Amino acid sequence: MKGTVVRVFQIEAPPARVFRAFTTKEDVEQWMADHYEIEPRKGGKWKMGGEKDGFVATGELLEVIPNELLVYTWQMNDYDARTGKKIPNWMDTNPTKVTLRFEKAGRGTKVTVRHEGFPERDESYWGVDVGWDMLAGQVLKYYLEHTQTEFNRWWKENESDWQERMQKAVERRLKTSSHREVK
């Protein structure tokens, strides 16, 4: 069975600004990844992370309607951060698909995320589920709704325990999901 994560976020910034936060190297490197490359056009490629970081996510842009829609594949490759060797996982041969819709809503933007194509109740499913909540729902939102100085201060206060908080949230969702299956 294939899993799908759907999330809706309200961000107090215009659709063009939110769209740009997903499609420009400078923006993505501020709120999500230390290394990011993108060709923001249909058929364009994107790459995030590096082997020394322990992961490389890559994909192809399938549909691009500026300020309205972004659809792309997502392929995750894990690496041993110590040795740099690739760690096989199902995502490196089974890309998932992300659809982002940007709609004007009041003074801001309603962002609808649909990330599909992975096993349900799998750790990677819950990692994506938690990842969208924490990265788009918290980091991106703060990045776009505050000044660069405020964001930098906030991120400095939160960055050190970010991965640990994410991992704990994934473990909680895995545990909750396992309890539901047993009943």
Protein backbone atom coordinates (compact mmCIF):
# COMPACT_ATOMS: atom_id res chain seq x y z
CA MET A 1 0.00 0.00 0.00
CA LYS A 2 1.37 3.42 -0.91
CA GLY A 3 1.39 6.19 1.68
CA THR A 4 0.50 9.81 1.08
CA VAL A 5 1.17 12.74 3.36
CA VAL A 6 -1.13 15.74 2.91
CA ARG A 7 -0.52 18.96 4.80
CA VAL A 8 -2.00 22.46 4.56
CA PHE A 9 -0.14 25.48 5.91
CA GLN A 10 -1.11 29.15 6.11
CA ILE A 11 1.89 31.43 5.63
CA GLU A 12 1.62 35.19 5.92
CA ALA A 13 3.50 36.00 2.72
CA PRO A 14 2.30 36.41 -0.90
CA PRO A 15 2.17 33.32 -3.15
CA ALA A 16 5.05 34.62 -5.30
CA ARG A 17 7.27 34.88 -2.20
CA VAL A 18 6.36 31.42 -0.91
CA PHE A 19 6.89 29.90 -4.36
CA ARG A 20 10.31 31.57 -4.55
CA ALA A 21 11.22 30.06 -1.15
CA PHE A 22 10.92 26.60 -2.75
CA THR A 23 12.54 27.41 -6.10
CA THR A 24 15.61 29.53 -5.45
CA LYS A 25 18.95 28.27 -4.21
CA GLU A 26 19.45 31.25 -1.89
CA ASP A 27 16.09 30.82 -0.14
CA VAL A 28 16.23 27.05 0.28
CA GLU A 29 19.76 27.28 1.66
CA GLN A 30 18.47 29.74 4.27
CA TRP A 31 15.54 27.71 5.61
CA MET A 32 16.12 24.06 4.73
CA ALA A 33 19.49 22.85 3.44
CA ASP A 34 23.13 23.87 3.48
CA HIS A 35 23.53 22.79 -0.13
CA TYR A 36 20.82 23.14 -2.78
CA GLU A 37 20.75 23.23 -6.56
CA ILE A 38 17.70 23.73 -8.77
CA GLU A 39 16.70 24.40 -12.35
CA PRO A 40 13.15 25.78 -11.73
CA ARG A 41 11.54 24.72 -15.01
CA LYS A 42 9.67 21.67 -16.27
CA GLY A 43 12.26 18.92 -16.75
CA GLY A 44 14.74 20.76 -14.52
CA LYS A 45 16.70 18.87 -11.88
CA TRP A 46 17.16 19.63 -8.19
CA LYS A 47 19.58 18.35 -5.56
CA MET A 48 19.73 18.91 -1.82
CA GLY A 49 22.35 17.85 0.71
CA GLY A 50 25.62 16.06 0.26
CA GLU A 51 27.23 12.72 0.96
CA LYS A 52 29.16 14.21 3.91
CA ASP A 53 25.79 15.35 5.37
CA GLY A 54 24.54 11.76 5.28
CA PHE A 55 21.92 12.26 2.57
CA VAL A 56 21.37 13.49 -0.95
CA ALA A 57 17.83 14.14 -2.15
CA THR A 58 17.37 14.59 -5.89
CA GLY A 59 14.56 14.82 -8.37
CA GLU A 60 13.06 16.25 -11.51
CA LEU A 61 10.51 19.02 -11.82
CA LEU A 62 7.45 17.60 -13.54
CA GLU A 63 5.25 20.69 -13.57
CA VAL A 64 6.00 24.33 -12.80
CA ILE A 65 3.37 27.08 -12.83
CA PRO A 66 5.03 30.09 -11.21
CA ASN A 67 3.40 31.17 -7.94
CA GLU A 68 0.72 28.45 -8.24
CA LEU A 69 2.04 24.90 -8.60
CA LEU A 70 5.23 22.91 -8.23
CA VAL A 71 5.33 19.15 -8.86
CA TYR A 72 8.54 17.15 -8.61
CA THR A 73 9.97 13.72 -7.92
CA TRP A 74 11.89 13.07 -4.71
CA GLN A 75 14.58 10.41 -4.49
CA MET A 76 16.42 10.02 -1.19
CA ASN A 77 19.90 8.51 -0.99
CA ASP A 78 21.43 7.89 2.44
CA TYR A 79 25.16 7.86 3.10
CA ASP A 80 27.26 6.81 6.08
CA ALA A 81 28.49 10.22 7.23
CA ARG A 82 31.73 8.67 8.51
CA THR A 83 32.70 6.60 5.46
CA GLY A 84 30.72 8.34 2.72
CA LYS A 85 29.41 4.97 1.49
CA LYS A 86 25.86 4.76 0.23
CA ILE A 87 23.38 2.99 2.50
CA PRO A 88 20.77 1.16 0.41
CA ASN A 89 17.13 2.04 1.11
CA TRP A 90 13.87 1.67 -0.81
CA MET A 91 13.71 5.40 -1.63
CA ASP A 92 16.89 5.40 -3.70
CA THR A 93 15.16 3.26 -6.33
CA ASN A 94 11.53 4.34 -5.75
CA PRO A 95 11.18 8.10 -6.11
CA THR A 96 8.16 9.69 -4.47
CA LYS A 97 6.19 12.64 -5.85
CA VAL A 98 5.62 16.03 -4.22
CA THR A 99 2.85 18.41 -5.29
CA LEU A 100 2.85 21.92 -3.82
CA ARG A 101 -0.09 24.27 -4.46
CA PHE A 102 0.14 27.96 -3.61
CA GLU A 103 -3.18 29.81 -3.26
CA LYS A 104 -3.80 33.37 -2.15
CA ALA A 105 -5.63 33.27 1.17
CA GLY A 106 -6.35 36.54 2.93
CA ARG A 107 -3.10 38.47 3.22
CA GLY A 108 -1.04 35.33 2.81
CA THR A 109 -0.78 31.98 1.10
CA LYS A 110 -2.40 28.62 1.66
CA VAL A 111 0.23 25.98 0.85
CA THR A 112 -1.09 22.48 0.20
CA VAL A 113 1.51 19.73 0.23
CA ARG A 114 0.84 16.26 -1.17
CA HIS A 115 3.80 13.88 -0.90
CA GLU A 116 2.98 10.41 -2.20
CA GLY A 117 4.38 7.06 -3.11
CA PHE A 118 5.98 5.41 -0.09
CA PRO A 119 4.98 2.59 2.25
CA GLU A 120 2.51 3.57 4.94
CA ARG A 121 3.51 3.26 8.57
CA ASP A 122 7.14 2.90 7.50
CA GLU A 123 9.81 5.00 9.23
CA SER A 124 10.40 6.93 6.00
CA TYR A 125 6.66 7.67 5.76
CA TRP A 126 6.65 9.10 9.28
CA GLY A 127 9.91 10.93 8.58
CA VAL A 128 8.26 12.71 5.67
CA ASP A 129 5.11 13.32 7.72
CA VAL A 130 7.11 14.91 10.55
CA GLY A 131 9.48 16.62 8.14
CA TRP A 132 6.75 18.59 6.39
CA ASP A 133 5.24 19.62 9.74
CA MET A 134 8.55 20.79 11.15
CA LEU A 135 10.26 22.19 8.05
CA ALA A 136 7.37 23.84 6.21
CA GLY A 137 5.01 24.28 9.15
CA GLN A 138 7.62 25.78 11.45
CA VAL A 139 10.94 26.70 9.80
CA LEU A 140 9.64 28.00 6.45
CA LYS A 141 6.75 29.77 8.16
CA TYR A 142 9.11 31.54 10.58
CA TYR A 143 11.55 32.33 7.76
CA LEU A 144 8.89 34.01 5.63
CA GLU A 145 6.99 35.75 8.41
CA HIS A 146 9.99 37.37 10.15
CA THR A 147 13.01 39.46 9.22
CA GLN A 148 16.24 37.71 8.29
CA THR A 149 17.78 38.85 11.59
CA GLU A 150 14.86 37.45 13.61
CA PHE A 151 14.96 34.18 11.68
CA ASN A 152 18.74 33.83 12.16
CA ARG A 153 18.37 34.38 15.91
CA TRP A 154 15.45 31.90 16.13
CA TRP A 155 17.30 29.27 14.09
CA LYS A 156 20.47 29.65 16.19
CA GLU A 157 18.35 28.91 19.29
CA ASN A 158 16.65 25.87 17.69
CA GLU A 159 19.17 24.28 15.33
CA SER A 160 21.22 22.32 17.88
CA ASP A 161 18.36 20.03 18.94
CA TRP A 162 16.42 20.06 15.66
CA GLN A 163 17.41 16.59 14.42
CA GLU A 164 16.81 15.07 17.84
CA ARG A 165 13.33 16.64 18.03
CA MET A 166 12.54 15.33 14.54
CA GLN A 167 13.70 11.81 15.40
CA LYS A 168 11.67 11.76 18.61
CA ALA A 169 8.56 12.92 16.74
CA VAL A 170 9.06 10.16 14.13
CA GLU A 171 9.47 7.56 16.89
CA ARG A 172 6.25 8.76 18.59
CA ARG A 173 4.30 8.51 15.34
CA LEU A 174 5.73 5.06 14.59
CA LYS A 175 4.77 3.89 18.07
CA THR A 176 1.26 5.39 17.83
CA SER A 177 0.80 3.84 14.39
CA SER A 178 1.91 0.41 15.67
CA HIS A 179 -0.61 0.58 18.53
CA ARG A 180 -3.43 1.39 16.10
CA GLU A 181 -2.58 -1.67 13.94
CA VAL A 182 -2.68 -4.04 16.93
CA LYS A 183 -6.22 -3.04 17.96
